[in-house]
Amino acid sequence: MANTITDRQFEIIGAAGKILTNAGVGGLTIKNLAKEMQFSESAVYRHFSSKEKIILAMLDFLASNMDERYTEILSIERKTEEKFITLFQNQFTFFDSNPHFVVAVFSDGLMEESQSVNESISKIMQVKMKHLKPIILEGQENKLFTDAISADNIMHIIMGSMRLQMYKWRVANFQFDILHKGEEIIQSLLTIIKK
């Protein structure tokens, strides 16, 4: 993993995610985090110097973890359509088990003034594109996916649809089955892009 974090930092990220999920960005303070973890504030500061550093660690962990998961699942020989489905099923399964990462990515006003946070969110999108674009190109080459739309535009349509689905799940406070809805959106996107 590019950005290795200690076990303790991972625990802090998880606790921060729980606070983000329940109380939003405004509720994520070092004081609340220390209380959640039954630590002193100084113990939290030994691992992270600020709230921004905690959010950056969450986002960087997500990018690294996503890259590792995608690389692993795409290393198995599969047909193009299976690669497409597996890629997104993997992501929905991960977020279903770790909704606090959705909160970190989709919280409105998540430290918008922070260039570092914006760069970390951009890095997550780059990881997705790195793994998705070759699948789209492969599908176009073997005449499975339409070539009436460029691979880049197909990728943006797909990522935009997935992002909207995750955002809807977030604002619904995770009250619907993201695995079921995710499967529906995967099949709908395949219907749109297949020849």
C-alpha atoms as a PDB file:
ATOM      1  CA  MET A   1       0.000   0.000   0.000  1.00  0.00           C
ATOM      2  CA  ALA A   2       1.362   3.391  -1.025  1.00  0.00           C
ATOM      3  CA  ASN A   3       0.210   5.187   2.099  1.00  0.00           C
ATOM      4  CA  THR A   4       0.791   2.777   4.952  1.00  0.00           C
ATOM      5  CA  ILE A   5      -0.941   3.650   8.182  1.00  0.00           C
ATOM      6  CA  THR A   6      -0.500   2.150  11.621  1.00  0.00           C
ATOM      7  CA  ASP A   7      -3.161  -0.014  13.247  1.00  0.00           C
ATOM      8  CA  ARG A   8      -3.860   2.804  15.693  1.00  0.00           C
ATOM      9  CA  GLN A   9      -4.286   5.316  12.860  1.00  0.00           C
ATOM     10  CA  PHE A  10      -6.685   2.899  11.187  1.00  0.00           C
ATOM     11  CA  GLU A  11      -8.696   2.709  14.412  1.00  0.00           C
ATOM     12  CA  ILE A  12      -8.784   6.514  14.539  1.00  0.00           C
ATOM     13  CA  ILE A  13      -9.962   6.660  10.917  1.00  0.00           C
ATOM     14  CA  GLY A  14     -12.769   4.202  11.743  1.00  0.00           C
ATOM     15  CA  ALA A  15     -13.853   6.215  14.779  1.00  0.00           C
ATOM     16  CA  ALA A  16     -13.677   9.436  12.742  1.00  0.00           C
ATOM     17  CA  GLY A  17     -15.836   7.777  10.100  1.00  0.00           C
ATOM     18  CA  LYS A  18     -18.416   6.822  12.708  1.00  0.00           C
ATOM     19  CA  ILE A  19     -18.553  10.448  13.891  1.00  0.00           C
ATOM     20  CA  LEU A  20     -18.764  11.725  10.292  1.00  0.00           C
ATOM     21  CA  THR A  21     -21.639   9.334   9.622  1.00  0.00           C
ATOM     22  CA  ASN A  22     -23.566  10.311  12.741  1.00  0.00           C
ATOM     23  CA  ALA A  23     -22.710  13.991  13.161  1.00  0.00           C
ATOM     24  CA  GLY A  24     -21.267  15.219   9.852  1.00  0.00           C
ATOM     25  CA  VAL A  25     -18.079  17.191   9.295  1.00  0.00           C
ATOM     26  CA  GLY A  26     -18.996  19.720  11.992  1.00  0.00           C
ATOM     27  CA  GLY A  27     -19.169  16.928  14.575  1.00  0.00           C
ATOM     28  CA  LEU A  28     -15.718  15.624  13.741  1.00  0.00           C
ATOM     29  CA  THR A  29     -13.488  17.320  16.287  1.00  0.00           C
ATOM     30  CA  ILE A  30     -10.398  16.028  18.049  1.00  0.00           C
ATOM     31  CA  LYS A  31     -12.328  16.357  21.305  1.00  0.00           C
ATOM     32  CA  ASN A  32     -15.236  14.211  20.029  1.00  0.00           C
ATOM     33  CA  LEU A  33     -12.815  11.742  18.505  1.00  0.00           C
ATOM     34  CA  ALA A  34     -10.893  11.371  21.774  1.00  0.00           C
ATOM     35  CA  LYS A  35     -14.195  10.819  23.597  1.00  0.00           C
ATOM     36  CA  GLU A  36     -15.346   8.218  21.040  1.00  0.00           C
ATOM     37  CA  MET A  37     -12.066   6.309  21.371  1.00  0.00           C
ATOM     38  CA  GLN A  38     -11.758   6.846  25.140  1.00  0.00           C
ATOM     39  CA  PHE A  39      -8.380   8.489  24.544  1.00  0.00           C
ATOM     40  CA  SER A  40      -6.948  11.747  25.687  1.00  0.00           C
ATOM     41  CA  GLU A  41      -6.898  14.474  23.028  1.00  0.00           C
ATOM     42  CA  SER A  42      -3.093  14.470  23.205  1.00  0.00           C
ATOM     43  CA  ALA A  43      -3.113  10.750  22.300  1.00  0.00           C
ATOM     44  CA  VAL A  44      -5.070  11.530  19.126  1.00  0.00           C
ATOM     45  CA  TYR A  45      -2.699  14.394  18.309  1.00  0.00           C
ATOM     46  CA  ARG A  46       0.245  11.983  18.518  1.00  0.00           C
ATOM     47  CA  HIS A  47      -1.174  10.238  15.451  1.00  0.00           C
ATOM     48  CA  PHE A  48      -2.805  13.120  13.562  1.00  0.00           C
ATOM     49  CA  SER A  49      -2.069  16.820  13.913  1.00  0.00           C
ATOM     50  CA  SER A  50      -5.525  17.968  12.737  1.00  0.00           C
ATOM     51  CA  LYS A  51      -8.989  16.994  11.557  1.00  0.00           C
ATOM     52  CA  GLU A  52      -7.831  17.644   7.987  1.00  0.00           C
ATOM     53  CA  LYS A  53      -5.000  15.099   8.395  1.00  0.00           C
ATOM     54  CA  ILE A  54      -7.513  12.481   9.567  1.00  0.00           C
ATOM     55  CA  ILE A  55      -9.776  13.097   6.563  1.00  0.00           C
ATOM     56  CA  LEU A  56      -6.756  13.012   4.247  1.00  0.00           C
ATOM     57  CA  ALA A  57      -5.705   9.685   5.768  1.00  0.00           C
ATOM     58  CA  MET A  58      -9.226   8.316   5.162  1.00  0.00           C
ATOM     59  CA  LEU A  59      -9.236   9.459   1.541  1.00  0.00           C
ATOM     60  CA  ASP A  60      -5.683   8.277   0.863  1.00  0.00           C
ATOM     61  CA  PHE A  61      -6.442   4.917   2.447  1.00  0.00           C
ATOM     62  CA  LEU A  62      -9.545   4.621   0.261  1.00  0.00           C
ATOM     63  CA  ALA A  63      -7.558   5.366  -2.921  1.00  0.00           C
ATOM     64  CA  SER A  64      -4.832   2.844  -2.035  1.00  0.00           C
ATOM     65  CA  ASN A  65      -7.315   0.210  -0.918  1.00  0.00           C
ATOM     66  CA  MET A  66      -9.407   0.670  -4.066  1.00  0.00           C
ATOM     67  CA  ASP A  67      -6.333   0.384  -6.279  1.00  0.00           C
ATOM     68  CA  GLU A  68      -5.278  -2.837  -4.531  1.00  0.00           C
ATOM     69  CA  ARG A  69      -8.776  -4.372  -4.676  1.00  0.00           C
ATOM     70  CA  TYR A  70      -9.279  -3.478  -8.342  1.00  0.00           C
ATOM     71  CA  THR A  71      -5.820  -4.738  -9.324  1.00  0.00           C
ATOM     72  CA  GLU A  72      -6.478  -8.026  -7.552  1.00  0.00           C
ATOM     73  CA  ILE A  73      -9.930  -8.698  -8.988  1.00  0.00           C
ATOM     74  CA  LEU A  74      -8.920  -7.665 -12.511  1.00  0.00           C
ATOM     75  CA  SER A  75      -5.860  -9.924 -12.441  1.00  0.00           C
ATOM     76  CA  ILE A  76      -8.202 -12.925 -12.774  1.00  0.00           C
ATOM     77  CA  GLU A  77      -8.994 -13.874 -16.375  1.00  0.00           C
ATOM     78  CA  ARG A  78     -12.569 -12.776 -17.087  1.00  0.00           C
ATOM     79  CA  LYS A  79     -14.724 -11.717 -20.007  1.00  0.00           C
ATOM     80  CA  THR A  80     -15.096  -7.964 -20.465  1.00  0.00           C
ATOM     81  CA  GLU A  81     -18.657  -7.789 -19.130  1.00  0.00           C
ATOM     82  CA  GLU A  82     -17.691  -9.836 -16.060  1.00  0.00           C
ATOM     83  CA  LYS A  83     -14.796  -7.433 -15.368  1.00  0.00           C
ATOM     84  CA  PHE A  84     -17.191  -4.474 -15.560  1.00  0.00           C
ATOM     85  CA  ILE A  85     -19.724  -6.104 -13.218  1.00  0.00           C
ATOM     86  CA  THR A  86     -17.095  -7.366 -10.752  1.00  0.00           C
ATOM     87  CA  LEU A  87     -15.397  -3.977 -10.536  1.00  0.00           C
ATOM     88  CA  PHE A  88     -18.582  -2.228  -9.426  1.00  0.00           C
ATOM     89  CA  GLN A  89     -19.920  -5.080  -7.297  1.00  0.00           C
ATOM     90  CA  ASN A  90     -16.627  -4.983  -5.407  1.00  0.00           C
ATOM     91  CA  GLN A  91     -16.996  -1.264  -4.807  1.00  0.00           C
ATOM     92  CA  PHE A  92     -20.619  -1.487  -3.642  1.00  0.00           C
ATOM     93  CA  THR A  93     -19.720  -4.369  -1.301  1.00  0.00           C
ATOM     94  CA  PHE A  94     -16.826  -2.373   0.169  1.00  0.00           C
ATOM     95  CA  PHE A  95     -18.978   0.707   0.780  1.00  0.00           C
ATOM     96  CA  ASP A  96     -21.839  -1.394   2.175  1.00  0.00           C
ATOM     97  CA  SER A  97     -19.407  -2.624   4.852  1.00  0.00           C
ATOM     98  CA  ASN A  98     -17.643   0.753   5.257  1.00  0.00           C
ATOM     99  CA  PRO A  99     -20.224   3.523   4.779  1.00  0.00           C
ATOM    100  CA  HIS A 100     -18.049   6.077   6.592  1.00  0.00           C
ATOM    101  CA  PHE A 101     -15.837   6.237   3.494  1.00  0.00           C
ATOM    102  CA  VAL A 102     -18.892   7.340   1.492  1.00  0.00           C
ATOM    103  CA  VAL A 103     -19.428  10.099   4.037  1.00  0.00           C
ATOM    104  CA  ALA A 104     -15.804  11.222   3.672  1.00  0.00           C
ATOM    105  CA  VAL A 105     -16.099  11.414  -0.122  1.00  0.00           C
ATOM    106  CA  PHE A 106     -19.627  12.847  -0.300  1.00  0.00           C
ATOM    107  CA  SER A 107     -19.945  15.198   2.665  1.00  0.00           C
ATOM    108  CA  ASP A 108     -21.051  18.580   1.387  1.00  0.00           C
ATOM    109  CA  GLY A 109     -18.512  21.240   2.214  1.00  0.00           C
ATOM    110  CA  LEU A 110     -15.899  18.680   3.225  1.00  0.00           C
ATOM    111  CA  MET A 111     -13.121  21.151   3.849  1.00  0.00           C
ATOM    112  CA  GLU A 112     -13.583  22.592   0.350  1.00  0.00           C
ATOM    113  CA  GLU A 113     -10.943  25.181   1.069  1.00  0.00           C
ATOM    114  CA  SER A 114      -8.369  22.410   1.477  1.00  0.00           C
ATOM    115  CA  GLN A 115      -6.383  21.847  -1.706  1.00  0.00           C
ATOM    116  CA  SER A 116      -5.027  18.628  -0.173  1.00  0.00           C
ATOM    117  CA  VAL A 117      -8.522  17.198   0.381  1.00  0.00           C
ATOM    118  CA  ASN A 118      -9.530  18.124  -3.178  1.00  0.00           C
ATOM    119  CA  GLU A 119      -6.379  16.436  -4.503  1.00  0.00           C
ATOM    120  CA  SER A 120      -7.117  13.290  -2.481  1.00  0.00           C
ATOM    121  CA  ILE A 121     -10.684  13.107  -3.840  1.00  0.00           C
ATOM    122  CA  SER A 122      -9.265  13.606  -7.330  1.00  0.00           C
ATOM    123  CA  LYS A 123      -6.810  10.760  -6.681  1.00  0.00           C
ATOM    124  CA  ILE A 124      -9.737   8.427  -5.892  1.00  0.00           C
ATOM    125  CA  MET A 125     -11.338   9.333  -9.231  1.00  0.00           C
ATOM    126  CA  GLN A 126      -8.023   8.735 -11.027  1.00  0.00           C
ATOM    127  CA  VAL A 127      -7.796   5.241  -9.520  1.00  0.00           C
ATOM    128  CA  LYS A 128     -11.315   4.435 -10.762  1.00  0.00           C
ATOM    129  CA  MET A 129     -10.523   5.721 -14.256  1.00  0.00           C
ATOM    130  CA  LYS A 130      -7.221   3.817 -14.367  1.00  0.00           C
ATOM    131  CA  HIS A 131      -9.086   0.522 -13.950  1.00  0.00           C
ATOM    132  CA  LEU A 132     -12.340   1.313 -15.762  1.00  0.00           C
ATOM    133  CA  LYS A 133     -11.017   2.790 -19.021  1.00  0.00           C
ATOM    134  CA  PRO A 134      -9.157  -0.366 -20.172  1.00  0.00           C
ATOM    135  CA  ILE A 135     -12.373  -2.371 -19.639  1.00  0.00           C
ATOM    136  CA  ILE A 136     -14.346   0.086 -21.774  1.00  0.00           C
ATOM    137  CA  LEU A 137     -11.670   0.110 -24.492  1.00  0.00           C
ATOM    138  CA  GLU A 138     -11.546  -3.694 -24.475  1.00  0.00           C
ATOM    139  CA  GLY A 139     -15.344  -3.806 -24.775  1.00  0.00           C
ATOM    140  CA  GLN A 140     -15.226  -1.420 -27.730  1.00  0.00           C
ATOM    141  CA  GLU A 141     -12.447  -3.380 -29.426  1.00  0.00           C
ATOM    142  CA  ASN A 142     -14.345  -6.668 -29.176  1.00  0.00           C
ATOM    143  CA  LYS A 143     -17.584  -4.987 -30.298  1.00  0.00           C
ATOM    144  CA  LEU A 144     -19.375  -5.563 -26.997  1.00  0.00           C
ATOM    145  CA  PHE A 145     -19.689  -1.853 -26.119  1.00  0.00           C
ATOM    146  CA  THR A 146     -20.779   0.942 -28.429  1.00  0.00           C
ATOM    147  CA  ASP A 147     -18.089   2.927 -30.175  1.00  0.00           C
ATOM    148  CA  ALA A 148     -20.556   5.681 -31.109  1.00  0.00           C
ATOM    149  CA  ILE A 149     -19.453   7.374 -27.867  1.00  0.00           C
ATOM    150  CA  SER A 150     -15.786   7.831 -26.934  1.00  0.00           C
ATOM    151  CA  ALA A 151     -14.353   5.662 -24.150  1.00  0.00           C
ATOM    152  CA  ASP A 152     -13.742   8.822 -22.100  1.00  0.00           C
ATOM    153  CA  ASN A 153     -17.369   9.920 -22.390  1.00  0.00           C
ATOM    154  CA  ILE A 154     -18.658   6.429 -21.562  1.00  0.00           C
ATOM    155  CA  MET A 155     -16.394   6.458 -18.504  1.00  0.00           C
ATOM    156  CA  HIS A 156     -17.762   9.837 -17.374  1.00  0.00           C
ATOM    157  CA  ILE A 157     -21.377   8.677 -17.857  1.00  0.00           C
ATOM    158  CA  ILE A 158     -20.691   5.530 -15.826  1.00  0.00           C
ATOM    159  CA  MET A 159     -18.779   7.280 -13.057  1.00  0.00           C
ATOM    160  CA  GLY A 160     -21.369  10.045 -12.850  1.00  0.00           C
ATOM    161  CA  SER A 161     -24.161   7.486 -12.528  1.00  0.00           C
ATOM    162  CA  MET A 162     -22.319   5.549  -9.856  1.00  0.00           C
ATOM    163  CA  ARG A 163     -21.439   8.725  -7.983  1.00  0.00           C
ATOM    164  CA  LEU A 164     -25.072   9.858  -8.012  1.00  0.00           C
ATOM    165  CA  GLN A 165     -26.189   6.448  -6.704  1.00  0.00           C
ATOM    166  CA  MET A 166     -23.697   6.619  -3.847  1.00  0.00           C
ATOM    167  CA  TYR A 167     -24.694  10.213  -3.074  1.00  0.00           C
ATOM    168  CA  LYS A 168     -28.391   9.224  -2.963  1.00  0.00           C
ATOM    169  CA  TRP A 169     -27.521   6.416  -0.558  1.00  0.00           C
ATOM    170  CA  ARG A 170     -25.589   8.877   1.592  1.00  0.00           C
ATOM    171  CA  VAL A 171     -28.390  11.470   1.793  1.00  0.00           C
ATOM    172  CA  ALA A 172     -30.915   8.672   2.471  1.00  0.00           C
ATOM    173  CA  ASN A 173     -28.746   7.936   5.526  1.00  0.00           C
ATOM    174  CA  PHE A 174     -27.901   4.481   4.101  1.00  0.00           C
ATOM    175  CA  GLN A 175     -31.528   3.373   4.480  1.00  0.00           C
ATOM    176  CA  PHE A 176     -31.776   1.381   1.245  1.00  0.00           C
ATOM    177  CA  ASP A 177     -29.952  -1.737   0.086  1.00  0.00           C
ATOM    178  CA  ILE A 178     -26.974  -0.381  -1.864  1.00  0.00           C
ATOM    179  CA  LEU A 179     -26.048  -3.860  -3.122  1.00  0.00           C
ATOM    180  CA  HIS A 180     -29.478  -4.292  -4.740  1.00  0.00           C
ATOM    181  CA  LYS A 181     -29.597  -0.738  -6.111  1.00  0.00           C
ATOM    182  CA  GLY A 182     -25.993  -1.093  -7.228  1.00  0.00           C
ATOM    183  CA  GLU A 183     -26.835  -4.240  -9.199  1.00  0.00           C
ATOM    184  CA  GLU A 184     -29.723  -2.407 -10.875  1.00  0.00           C
ATOM    185  CA  ILE A 185     -27.489   0.486 -11.928  1.00  0.00           C
ATOM    186  CA  ILE A 186     -24.766  -1.881 -13.198  1.00  0.00           C
ATOM    187  CA  GLN A 187     -27.289  -3.687 -15.401  1.00  0.00           C
ATOM    188  CA  SER A 188     -28.836  -0.403 -16.584  1.00  0.00           C
ATOM    189  CA  LEU A 189     -25.422   0.977 -17.565  1.00  0.00           C
ATOM    190  CA  LEU A 190     -24.584  -2.229 -19.443  1.00  0.00           C
ATOM    191  CA  THR A 191     -27.881  -1.913 -21.325  1.00  0.00           C
ATOM    192  CA  ILE A 192     -26.947   1.635 -22.329  1.00  0.00           C
ATOM    193  CA  ILE A 193     -23.359   0.946 -23.423  1.00  0.00           C
ATOM    194  CA  LYS A 194     -23.705  -2.492 -25.019  1.00  0.00           C
ATOM    195  CA  LYS A 195     -24.143  -2.741 -28.784  1.00  0.00           C
END
